[in-house]
Amino acid sequence: HSEDENPAIVSNKRSLDEDNRAQTELKRRKLGSETRHRDPSQTDLT
C-alpha cells in the first residue's frame, strides 16, 4: 500500500484539516478585525 492509503495517515490528515479549519478561522477573524477597524467602509460588521 502507498503511504496515502495507510489508515493512520489518512486519519491524521483528516484531523489536521479539521484543526487547521479552526486555526484559519481564528487568523481570518484577527486579520479581518484589524482591517475592518482601519477601513469601516469595507465591512459588514455592526
All heavy atoms as atom14 arrays in JSON, in Angstrom:
{
  "sequence": "HSEDENPAIVSNKRSLDEDNRAQTELKRRKLGSETRHRDPSQTDLT",
  "atom14_mask": [
    [1, 1, 1, 1, 1, 1, 1, 1, 1, 1, 0, 0, 0, 0],
    [1, 1, 1, 1, 1, 1, 0, 0, 0, 0, 0, 0, 0, 0],
    [1, 1, 1, 1, 1, 1, 1, 1, 1, 0, 0, 0, 0, 0],
    [1, 1, 1, 1, 1, 1, 1, 1, 0, 0, 0, 0, 0, 0],
    [1, 1, 1, 1, 1, 1, 1, 1, 1, 0, 0, 0, 0, 0],
    [1, 1, 1, 1, 1, 1, 1, 1, 0, 0, 0, 0, 0, 0],
    [1, 1, 1, 1, 1, 1, 1, 0, 0, 0, 0, 0, 0, 0],
    [1, 1, 1, 1, 1, 0, 0, 0, 0, 0, 0, 0, 0, 0],
    [1, 1, 1, 1, 1, 1, 1, 1, 0, 0, 0, 0, 0, 0],
    [1, 1, 1, 1, 1, 1, 1, 0, 0, 0, 0, 0, 0, 0],
    [1, 1, 1, 1, 1, 1, 0, 0, 0, 0, 0, 0, 0, 0],
    [1, 1, 1, 1, 1, 1, 1, 1, 0, 0, 0, 0, 0, 0],
    [1, 1, 1, 1, 1, 1, 1, 1, 1, 0, 0, 0, 0, 0],
    [1, 1, 1, 1, 1, 1, 1, 1, 1, 1, 1, 0, 0, 0],
    [1, 1, 1, 1, 1, 1, 0, 0, 0, 0, 0, 0, 0, 0],
    [1, 1, 1, 1, 1, 1, 1, 1, 0, 0, 0, 0, 0, 0],
    [1, 1, 1, 1, 1, 1, 1, 1, 0, 0, 0, 0, 0, 0],
    [1, 1, 1, 1, 1, 1, 1, 1, 1, 0, 0, 0, 0, 0],
    [1, 1, 1, 1, 1, 1, 1, 1, 0, 0, 0, 0, 0, 0],
    [1, 1, 1, 1, 1, 1, 1, 1, 0, 0, 0, 0, 0, 0],
    [1, 1, 1, 1, 1, 1, 1, 1, 1, 1, 1, 0, 0, 0],
    [1, 1, 1, 1, 1, 0, 0, 0, 0, 0, 0, 0, 0, 0],
    [1, 1, 1, 1, 1, 1, 1, 1, 1, 0, 0, 0, 0, 0],
    [1, 1, 1, 1, 1, 1, 1, 0, 0, 0, 0, 0, 0, 0],
    [1, 1, 1, 1, 1, 1, 1, 1, 1, 0, 0, 0, 0, 0],
    [1, 1, 1, 1, 1, 1, 1, 1, 0, 0, 0, 0, 0, 0],
    [1, 1, 1, 1, 1, 1, 1, 1, 1, 0, 0, 0, 0, 0],
    [1, 1, 1, 1, 1, 1, 1, 1, 1, 1, 1, 0, 0, 0],
    [1, 1, 1, 1, 1, 1, 1, 1, 1, 1, 1, 0, 0, 0],
    [1, 1, 1, 1, 1, 1, 1, 1, 1, 0, 0, 0, 0, 0],
    [1, 1, 1, 1, 1, 1, 1, 1, 0, 0, 0, 0, 0, 0],
    [1, 1, 1, 1, 0, 0, 0, 0, 0, 0, 0, 0, 0, 0],
    [1, 1, 1, 1, 1, 1, 0, 0, 0, 0, 0, 0, 0, 0],
    [1, 1, 1, 1, 1, 1, 1, 1, 1, 0, 0, 0, 0, 0],
    [1, 1, 1, 1, 1, 1, 1, 0, 0, 0, 0, 0, 0, 0],
    [1, 1, 1, 1, 1, 1, 1, 1, 1, 1, 1, 0, 0, 0],
    [1, 1, 1, 1, 1, 1, 1, 1, 1, 1, 0, 0, 0, 0],
    [1, 1, 1, 1, 1, 1, 1, 1, 1, 1, 1, 0, 0, 0],
    [1, 1, 1, 1, 1, 1, 1, 1, 0, 0, 0, 0, 0, 0],
    [1, 1, 1, 1, 1, 1, 1, 0, 0, 0, 0, 0, 0, 0],
    [1, 1, 1, 1, 1, 1, 0, 0, 0, 0, 0, 0, 0, 0],
    [1, 1, 1, 1, 1, 1, 1, 1, 1, 0, 0, 0, 0, 0],
    [1, 1, 1, 1, 1, 1, 1, 0, 0, 0, 0, 0, 0, 0],
    [1, 1, 1, 1, 1, 1, 1, 1, 0, 0, 0, 0, 0, 0],
    [1, 1, 1, 1, 1, 1, 1, 1, 0, 0, 0, 0, 0, 0],
    [1, 1, 1, 1, 1, 1, 1, 0, 0, 0, 0, 0, 0, 0]
  ],
  "atom14_positions": [
    [[0.84, -1.2, 0.0], [0.0, 0.0, 0.0], [0.87, 1.25, 0.0], [1.94, 1.29, 0.62], [-0.9, 0.03, 1.24], [-1.93, -1.05, 1.25], [-2.98, -1.07, 0.37], [-2.06, -2.16, 2.03], [-3.73, -2.12, 0.6], [-3.19, -2.81, 1.61], [0.0, 0.0, 0.0], [0.0, 0.0, 0.0], [0.0, 0.0, 0.0], [0.0, 0.0, 0.0]],
    [[0.4, 2.27, -0.68], [1.11, 3.55, -0.65], [0.86, 4.23, 0.68], [-0.04, 3.88, 1.42], [0.61, 4.46, -1.79], [-0.7, 4.88, -1.53], [0.0, 0.0, 0.0], [0.0, 0.0, 0.0], [0.0, 0.0, 0.0], [0.0, 0.0, 0.0], [0.0, 0.0, 0.0], [0.0, 0.0, 0.0], [0.0, 0.0, 0.0], [0.0, 0.0, 0.0]],
    [[1.68, 5.24, 0.97], [1.56, 5.99, 2.22], [0.19, 6.61, 2.37], [-0.4, 6.63, 3.44], [2.64, 7.07, 2.29], [2.69, 7.81, 3.62], [3.76, 8.87, 3.62], [3.55, 9.9, 2.95], [4.79, 8.68, 4.27], [0.0, 0.0, 0.0], [0.0, 0.0, 0.0], [0.0, 0.0, 0.0], [0.0, 0.0, 0.0], [0.0, 0.0, 0.0]],
    [[-0.37, 7.09, 1.25], [-1.66, 7.76, 1.28], [-2.8, 6.8, 1.61], [-3.88, 7.23, 2.0], [-1.95, 8.45, -0.06], [-1.06, 9.66, -0.26], [-0.52, 10.15, 0.75], [-0.88, 10.07, -1.42], [0.0, 0.0, 0.0], [0.0, 0.0, 0.0], [0.0, 0.0, 0.0], [0.0, 0.0, 0.0], [0.0, 0.0, 0.0], [0.0, 0.0, 0.0]],
    [[-2.58, 5.48, 1.45], [-3.62, 4.52, 1.73], [-3.57, 4.03, 3.17], [-4.44, 3.29, 3.62], [-3.48, 3.33, 0.78], [-3.76, 3.68, -0.68], [-3.44, 2.52, -1.6], [-2.52, 1.75, -1.3], [-4.14, 2.38, -2.62], [0.0, 0.0, 0.0], [0.0, 0.0, 0.0], [0.0, 0.0, 0.0], [0.0, 0.0, 0.0], [0.0, 0.0, 0.0]],
    [[-2.51, 4.39, 3.89], [-2.39, 3.97, 5.29], [-3.49, 4.61, 6.11], [-3.59, 5.84, 6.17], [-1.01, 4.4, 5.82], [-0.74, 3.86, 7.21], [-1.54, 4.05, 8.11], [0.41, 3.2, 7.35], [0.0, 0.0, 0.0], [0.0, 0.0, 0.0], [0.0, 0.0, 0.0], [0.0, 0.0, 0.0], [0.0, 0.0, 0.0], [0.0, 0.0, 0.0]],
    [[-4.33, 3.82, 6.79], [-5.46, 4.39, 7.56], [-5.02, 5.39, 8.61], [-5.69, 6.39, 8.86], [-6.09, 3.14, 8.2], [-5.7, 2.02, 7.32], [-4.33, 2.36, 6.83], [0.0, 0.0, 0.0], [0.0, 0.0, 0.0], [0.0, 0.0, 0.0], [0.0, 0.0, 0.0], [0.0, 0.0, 0.0], [0.0, 0.0, 0.0], [0.0, 0.0, 0.0]],
    [[-3.88, 5.12, 9.25], [-3.41, 6.03, 10.29], [-3.06, 7.39, 9.71], [-3.37, 8.43, 10.28], [-2.2, 5.43, 11.01], [0.0, 0.0, 0.0], [0.0, 0.0, 0.0], [0.0, 0.0, 0.0], [0.0, 0.0, 0.0], [0.0, 0.0, 0.0], [0.0, 0.0, 0.0], [0.0, 0.0, 0.0], [0.0, 0.0, 0.0], [0.0, 0.0, 0.0]],
    [[-2.42, 7.37, 8.54], [-2.02, 8.63, 7.9], [-3.25, 9.39, 7.4], [-3.35, 10.6, 7.56], [-1.05, 8.35, 6.74], [0.26, 7.78, 7.3], [-0.79, 9.61, 5.93], [1.25, 7.34, 6.23], [0.0, 0.0, 0.0], [0.0, 0.0, 0.0], [0.0, 0.0, 0.0], [0.0, 0.0, 0.0], [0.0, 0.0, 0.0], [0.0, 0.0, 0.0]],
    [[-4.18, 8.64, 6.81], [-5.41, 9.28, 6.32], [-6.16, 9.92, 7.46], [-6.64, 11.05, 7.37], [-6.3, 8.24, 5.61], [-7.66, 8.84, 5.29], [-5.63, 7.75, 4.34], [0.0, 0.0, 0.0], [0.0, 0.0, 0.0], [0.0, 0.0, 0.0], [0.0, 0.0, 0.0], [0.0, 0.0, 0.0], [0.0, 0.0, 0.0], [0.0, 0.0, 0.0]],
    [[-6.28, 9.2, 8.59], [-6.99, 9.74, 9.75], [-6.29, 10.96, 10.3], [-6.92, 11.95, 10.69], [-7.1, 8.66, 10.84], [-7.81, 9.15, 11.95], [0.0, 0.0, 0.0], [0.0, 0.0, 0.0], [0.0, 0.0, 0.0], [0.0, 0.0, 0.0], [0.0, 0.0, 0.0], [0.0, 0.0, 0.0], [0.0, 0.0, 0.0], [0.0, 0.0, 0.0]],
    [[-4.96, 10.92, 10.34], [-4.2, 12.05, 10.84], [-4.39, 13.27, 9.97], [-4.58, 14.39, 10.46], [-2.72, 11.69, 10.92], [-1.89, 12.77, 11.58], [-2.34, 13.4, 12.52], [-0.68, 12.97, 11.09], [0.0, 0.0, 0.0], [0.0, 0.0, 0.0], [0.0, 0.0, 0.0], [0.0, 0.0, 0.0], [0.0, 0.0, 0.0], [0.0, 0.0, 0.0]],
    [[-4.37, 13.08, 8.65], [-4.56, 14.21, 7.73], [-5.94, 14.82, 7.92], [-6.11, 16.03, 7.9], [-4.39, 13.72, 6.29], [-2.95, 13.44, 5.9], [-2.86, 12.99, 4.46], [-1.4, 12.75, 4.05], [-1.3, 12.27, 2.65], [0.0, 0.0, 0.0], [0.0, 0.0, 0.0], [0.0, 0.0, 0.0], [0.0, 0.0, 0.0], [0.0, 0.0, 0.0]],
    [[-6.93, 13.96, 8.12], [-8.29, 14.45, 8.3], [-8.4, 15.28, 9.58], [-9.0, 16.34, 9.6], [-9.26, 13.27, 8.36], [-10.73, 13.68, 8.43], [-11.62, 12.47, 8.59], [-11.49, 11.55, 7.48], [-11.05, 10.31, 7.6], [-10.69, 9.84, 8.78], [-10.97, 9.51, 6.55], [0.0, 0.0, 0.0], [0.0, 0.0, 0.0], [0.0, 0.0, 0.0]],
    [[-7.79, 14.8, 10.65], [-7.86, 15.52, 11.92], [-7.12, 16.85, 11.84], [-7.56, 17.86, 12.38], [-7.28, 14.67, 13.06], [-5.9, 14.43, 12.87], [0.0, 0.0, 0.0], [0.0, 0.0, 0.0], [0.0, 0.0, 0.0], [0.0, 0.0, 0.0], [0.0, 0.0, 0.0], [0.0, 0.0, 0.0], [0.0, 0.0, 0.0], [0.0, 0.0, 0.0]],
    [[-5.98, 16.84, 11.13], [-5.23, 18.08, 10.97], [-6.03, 19.09, 10.15], [-6.0, 20.29, 10.44], [-3.89, 17.79, 10.3], [-2.85, 17.06, 11.16], [-1.63, 16.73, 10.32], [-2.47, 17.9, 12.36], [0.0, 0.0, 0.0], [0.0, 0.0, 0.0], [0.0, 0.0, 0.0], [0.0, 0.0, 0.0], [0.0, 0.0, 0.0], [0.0, 0.0, 0.0]],
    [[-6.73, 18.62, 9.15], [-7.56, 19.51, 8.33], [-8.62, 20.19, 9.2], [-8.89, 21.38, 9.05], [-8.25, 18.71, 7.22], [-7.29, 18.35, 6.09], [-6.2, 18.95, 6.04], [-7.63, 17.46, 5.29], [0.0, 0.0, 0.0], [0.0, 0.0, 0.0], [0.0, 0.0, 0.0], [0.0, 0.0, 0.0], [0.0, 0.0, 0.0], [0.0, 0.0, 0.0]],
    [[-9.21, 19.44, 10.11], [-10.27, 20.0, 10.95], [-9.71, 21.03, 11.93], [-10.31, 22.07, 12.17], [-10.98, 18.87, 11.71], [-11.78, 17.96, 10.77], [-12.4, 16.77, 11.49], [-12.19, 16.65, 12.71], [-13.08, 15.98, 10.83], [0.0, 0.0, 0.0], [0.0, 0.0, 0.0], [0.0, 0.0, 0.0], [0.0, 0.0, 0.0], [0.0, 0.0, 0.0]],
    [[-8.53, 20.75, 12.5], [-7.92, 21.71, 13.4], [-7.46, 22.94, 12.62], [-7.61, 24.07, 13.08], [-6.75, 21.08, 14.13], [-6.21, 21.98, 15.25], [-7.03, 22.63, 15.92], [-5.0, 22.03, 15.45], [0.0, 0.0, 0.0], [0.0, 0.0, 0.0], [0.0, 0.0, 0.0], [0.0, 0.0, 0.0], [0.0, 0.0, 0.0], [0.0, 0.0, 0.0]],
    [[-6.92, 22.72, 11.43], [-6.47, 23.85, 10.61], [-7.64, 24.76, 10.24], [-7.47, 25.96, 10.08], [-5.79, 23.35, 9.34], [-4.41, 22.79, 9.6], [-3.8, 23.11, 10.61], [-3.92, 21.95, 8.71], [0.0, 0.0, 0.0], [0.0, 0.0, 0.0], [0.0, 0.0, 0.0], [0.0, 0.0, 0.0], [0.0, 0.0, 0.0], [0.0, 0.0, 0.0]],
    [[-8.82, 24.16, 10.09], [-10.01, 24.95, 9.79], [-10.26, 25.98, 10.9], [-10.53, 27.15, 10.64], [-11.23, 24.04, 9.65], [-12.55, 24.76, 9.47], [-13.67, 23.77, 9.24], [-13.78, 22.82, 10.33], [-14.46, 23.07, 11.46], [-15.04, 24.23, 11.63], [-14.56, 22.16, 12.4], [0.0, 0.0, 0.0], [0.0, 0.0, 0.0], [0.0, 0.0, 0.0]],
    [[-10.15, 25.53, 12.14], [-10.36, 26.45, 13.27], [-9.23, 27.47, 13.35], [-9.47, 28.65, 13.61], [-10.45, 25.67, 14.57], [0.0, 0.0, 0.0], [0.0, 0.0, 0.0], [0.0, 0.0, 0.0], [0.0, 0.0, 0.0], [0.0, 0.0, 0.0], [0.0, 0.0, 0.0], [0.0, 0.0, 0.0], [0.0, 0.0, 0.0], [0.0, 0.0, 0.0]],
    [[-7.99, 27.02, 13.13], [-6.86, 27.94, 13.15], [-7.01, 29.01, 12.06], [-6.74, 30.19, 12.29], [-5.56, 27.16, 12.93], [-5.22, 26.18, 14.04], [-4.59, 26.84, 15.23], [-4.46, 28.07, 15.28], [-4.21, 26.05, 16.21], [0.0, 0.0, 0.0], [0.0, 0.0, 0.0], [0.0, 0.0, 0.0], [0.0, 0.0, 0.0], [0.0, 0.0, 0.0]],
    [[-7.44, 28.59, 10.89], [-7.63, 29.53, 9.78], [-8.72, 30.54, 10.1], [-8.58, 31.73, 9.83], [-8.0, 28.77, 8.49], [-6.93, 27.88, 8.15], [-8.24, 29.73, 7.34], [0.0, 0.0, 0.0], [0.0, 0.0, 0.0], [0.0, 0.0, 0.0], [0.0, 0.0, 0.0], [0.0, 0.0, 0.0], [0.0, 0.0, 0.0], [0.0, 0.0, 0.0]],
    [[-9.8, 30.05, 10.68], [-10.89, 30.95, 11.06], [-10.42, 31.97, 12.09], [-10.74, 33.16, 12.02], [-12.06, 30.15, 11.62], [-13.25, 30.99, 12.09], [-13.98, 31.7, 10.96], [-13.65, 31.45, 9.78], [-14.86, 32.54, 11.26], [0.0, 0.0, 0.0], [0.0, 0.0, 0.0], [0.0, 0.0, 0.0], [0.0, 0.0, 0.0], [0.0, 0.0, 0.0]],
    [[-9.61, 31.52, 13.05], [-9.09, 32.41, 14.07], [-8.23, 33.5, 13.45], [-8.37, 34.69, 13.75], [-8.29, 31.61, 15.09], [-7.83, 32.35, 16.35], [-9.02, 32.82, 17.15], [-6.94, 31.45, 17.19], [0.0, 0.0, 0.0], [0.0, 0.0, 0.0], [0.0, 0.0, 0.0], [0.0, 0.0, 0.0], [0.0, 0.0, 0.0], [0.0, 0.0, 0.0]],
    [[-7.31, 33.1, 12.55], [-6.45, 34.07, 11.88], [-7.26, 35.03, 11.02], [-6.99, 36.23, 10.96], [-5.41, 33.35, 11.03], [-4.38, 32.58, 11.85], [-3.43, 31.82, 10.95], [-2.42, 31.03, 11.77], [-1.51, 30.24, 10.9], [0.0, 0.0, 0.0], [0.0, 0.0, 0.0], [0.0, 0.0, 0.0], [0.0, 0.0, 0.0], [0.0, 0.0, 0.0]],
    [[-8.27, 34.48, 10.33], [-9.09, 35.32, 9.47], [-9.84, 36.36, 10.28], [-9.96, 37.52, 9.88], [-10.11, 34.45, 8.72], [-10.91, 35.2, 7.68], [-11.85, 34.28, 6.95], [-12.96, 33.86, 7.77], [-14.07, 34.6, 7.97], [-14.16, 35.8, 7.43], [-15.05, 34.16, 8.72], [0.0, 0.0, 0.0], [0.0, 0.0, 0.0], [0.0, 0.0, 0.0]],
    [[-10.32, 35.94, 11.44], [-11.05, 36.88, 12.3], [-10.14, 37.98, 12.81], [-10.51, 39.15, 12.86], [-11.67, 36.12, 13.47], [-12.85, 35.26, 13.05], [-14.09, 36.1, 12.84], [-14.98, 35.51, 11.87], [-16.12, 36.05, 11.49], [-16.5, 37.21, 11.97], [-16.88, 35.46, 10.59], [0.0, 0.0, 0.0], [0.0, 0.0, 0.0], [0.0, 0.0, 0.0]],
    [[-8.91, 37.61, 13.21], [-7.96, 38.61, 13.7], [-7.61, 39.6, 12.6], [-7.61, 40.8, 12.8], [-6.71, 37.93, 14.23], [-6.92, 37.23, 15.56], [-5.63, 36.59, 16.05], [-5.83, 35.94, 17.4], [-4.61, 35.26, 17.9], [0.0, 0.0, 0.0], [0.0, 0.0, 0.0], [0.0, 0.0, 0.0], [0.0, 0.0, 0.0], [0.0, 0.0, 0.0]],
    [[-7.29, 39.07, 11.42], [-6.92, 39.93, 10.29], [-8.1, 40.79, 9.87], [-7.97, 41.98, 9.63], [-6.45, 39.07, 9.11], [-6.08, 39.84, 7.84], [-4.94, 40.8, 8.13], [-5.69, 38.86, 6.74], [0.0, 0.0, 0.0], [0.0, 0.0, 0.0], [0.0, 0.0, 0.0], [0.0, 0.0, 0.0], [0.0, 0.0, 0.0], [0.0, 0.0, 0.0]],
    [[-9.28, 40.16, 9.83], [-10.47, 40.89, 9.43], [-10.81, 42.0, 10.39], [-11.19, 43.1, 10.0], [0.0, 0.0, 0.0], [0.0, 0.0, 0.0], [0.0, 0.0, 0.0], [0.0, 0.0, 0.0], [0.0, 0.0, 0.0], [0.0, 0.0, 0.0], [0.0, 0.0, 0.0], [0.0, 0.0, 0.0], [0.0, 0.0, 0.0], [0.0, 0.0, 0.0]],
    [[-10.65, 41.72, 11.67], [-10.95, 42.73, 12.68], [-10.02, 43.92, 12.53], [-10.43, 45.07, 12.57], [-10.81, 42.12, 14.08], [-11.1, 43.09, 15.06], [0.0, 0.0, 0.0], [0.0, 0.0, 0.0], [0.0, 0.0, 0.0], [0.0, 0.0, 0.0], [0.0, 0.0, 0.0], [0.0, 0.0, 0.0], [0.0, 0.0, 0.0], [0.0, 0.0, 0.0]],
    [[-8.7, 43.64, 12.34], [-7.74, 44.72, 12.18], [-8.04, 45.54, 10.93], [-8.02, 46.76, 10.95], [-6.33, 44.14, 12.1], [-5.89, 43.48, 13.41], [-4.63, 42.67, 13.23], [-4.13, 42.6, 12.09], [-4.14, 42.1, 14.22], [0.0, 0.0, 0.0], [0.0, 0.0, 0.0], [0.0, 0.0, 0.0], [0.0, 0.0, 0.0], [0.0, 0.0, 0.0]],
    [[-8.3, 44.86, 9.82], [-8.57, 45.55, 8.56], [-9.83, 46.37, 8.64], [-9.87, 47.52, 8.2], [-8.71, 44.52, 7.42], [-7.5, 43.75, 7.35], [-8.95, 45.21, 6.1], [0.0, 0.0, 0.0], [0.0, 0.0, 0.0], [0.0, 0.0, 0.0], [0.0, 0.0, 0.0], [0.0, 0.0, 0.0], [0.0, 0.0, 0.0], [0.0, 0.0, 0.0]],
    [[-10.87, 45.82, 9.23], [-12.15, 46.5, 9.26], [-12.11, 47.72, 10.16], [-12.78, 48.7, 9.92], [-13.22, 45.51, 9.73], [-13.55, 44.49, 8.66], [-14.24, 43.29, 9.23], [-14.65, 42.37, 8.17], [-15.09, 41.15, 8.38], [-15.15, 40.68, 9.6], [-15.46, 40.38, 7.38], [0.0, 0.0, 0.0], [0.0, 0.0, 0.0], [0.0, 0.0, 0.0]],
    [[-11.29, 47.66, 11.21], [-11.19, 48.83, 12.07], [-10.46, 49.96, 11.36], [-10.69, 51.13, 11.64], [-10.47, 48.47, 13.37], [-11.35, 47.76, 14.35], [-12.49, 48.34, 14.87], [-11.28, 46.52, 14.88], [-13.07, 47.49, 15.71], [-12.36, 46.38, 15.72], [0.0, 0.0, 0.0], [0.0, 0.0, 0.0], [0.0, 0.0, 0.0], [0.0, 0.0, 0.0]],
    [[-9.57, 49.61, 10.42], [-8.86, 50.66, 9.68], [-9.73, 51.27, 8.6], [-9.61, 52.43, 8.26], [-7.59, 50.06, 9.06], [-6.49, 49.74, 10.06], [-5.18, 49.54, 9.33], [-5.23, 48.46, 8.37], [-4.92, 47.2, 8.65], [-4.57, 46.87, 9.88], [-4.96, 46.27, 7.71], [0.0, 0.0, 0.0], [0.0, 0.0, 0.0], [0.0, 0.0, 0.0]],
    [[-10.62, 50.45, 8.04], [-11.45, 50.93, 6.93], [-12.89, 50.49, 7.14], [-13.31, 49.47, 6.62], [-10.92, 50.38, 5.61], [-11.66, 50.97, 4.41], [-12.57, 51.8, 4.63], [-11.33, 50.6, 3.28], [0.0, 0.0, 0.0], [0.0, 0.0, 0.0], [0.0, 0.0, 0.0], [0.0, 0.0, 0.0], [0.0, 0.0, 0.0], [0.0, 0.0, 0.0]],
    [[-13.68, 51.25, 7.92], [-15.05, 50.86, 8.25], [-15.95, 50.69, 7.04], [-16.97, 50.02, 7.11], [-15.52, 52.03, 9.14], [-14.27, 52.63, 9.67], [-13.28, 52.5, 8.56], [0.0, 0.0, 0.0], [0.0, 0.0, 0.0], [0.0, 0.0, 0.0], [0.0, 0.0, 0.0], [0.0, 0.0, 0.0], [0.0, 0.0, 0.0], [0.0, 0.0, 0.0]],
    [[-15.57, 51.26, 5.9], [-16.44, 51.16, 4.73], [-16.37, 49.78, 4.09], [-17.22, 49.4, 3.31], [-16.06, 52.22, 3.7], [-14.77, 51.95, 3.17], [0.0, 0.0, 0.0], [0.0, 0.0, 0.0], [0.0, 0.0, 0.0], [0.0, 0.0, 0.0], [0.0, 0.0, 0.0], [0.0, 0.0, 0.0], [0.0, 0.0, 0.0], [0.0, 0.0, 0.0]],
    [[-15.33, 49.01, 4.44], [-15.13, 47.7, 3.81], [-15.52, 46.58, 4.79], [-14.74, 45.68, 5.05], [-13.65, 47.55, 3.41], [-13.17, 48.6, 2.45], [-13.95, 48.59, 1.14], [-14.21, 47.53, 0.59], [-14.33, 49.76, 0.66], [0.0, 0.0, 0.0], [0.0, 0.0, 0.0], [0.0, 0.0, 0.0], [0.0, 0.0, 0.0], [0.0, 0.0, 0.0]],
    [[-16.71, 46.64, 5.32], [-17.11, 45.64, 6.31], [-18.6, 45.48, 6.37], [-19.36, 46.38, 6.04], [-16.59, 46.03, 7.7], [-17.03, 45.05, 8.63], [-17.13, 47.38, 8.13], [0.0, 0.0, 0.0], [0.0, 0.0, 0.0], [0.0, 0.0, 0.0], [0.0, 0.0, 0.0], [0.0, 0.0, 0.0], [0.0, 0.0, 0.0], [0.0, 0.0, 0.0]],
    [[-19.02, 44.28, 6.8], [-20.44, 44.06, 7.07], [-20.67, 43.92, 8.56], [-21.73, 43.52, 9.0], [-20.94, 42.8, 6.34], [-20.21, 41.53, 6.8], [-19.27, 41.66, 7.6], [-20.6, 40.45, 6.35], [0.0, 0.0, 0.0], [0.0, 0.0, 0.0], [0.0, 0.0, 0.0], [0.0, 0.0, 0.0], [0.0, 0.0, 0.0], [0.0, 0.0, 0.0]],
    [[-19.66, 44.28, 9.36], [-19.81, 44.2, 10.8], [-20.73, 45.31, 11.3], [-20.82, 46.39, 10.72], [-18.45, 44.34, 11.5], [-17.46, 43.19, 11.3], [-16.14, 43.54, 11.96], [-18.02, 41.91, 11.86], [0.0, 0.0, 0.0], [0.0, 0.0, 0.0], [0.0, 0.0, 0.0], [0.0, 0.0, 0.0], [0.0, 0.0, 0.0], [0.0, 0.0, 0.0]],
    [[-21.41, 45.02, 12.4], [-22.29, 46.0, 13.02], [-21.53, 46.78, 14.09], [-20.44, 46.37, 14.5], [-23.48, 45.29, 13.68], [-22.99, 44.49, 14.77], [-24.21, 44.41, 12.69], [0.0, 0.0, 0.0], [0.0, 0.0, 0.0], [0.0, 0.0, 0.0], [0.0, 0.0, 0.0], [0.0, 0.0, 0.0], [0.0, 0.0, 0.0], [0.0, 0.0, 0.0]]
  ]
}
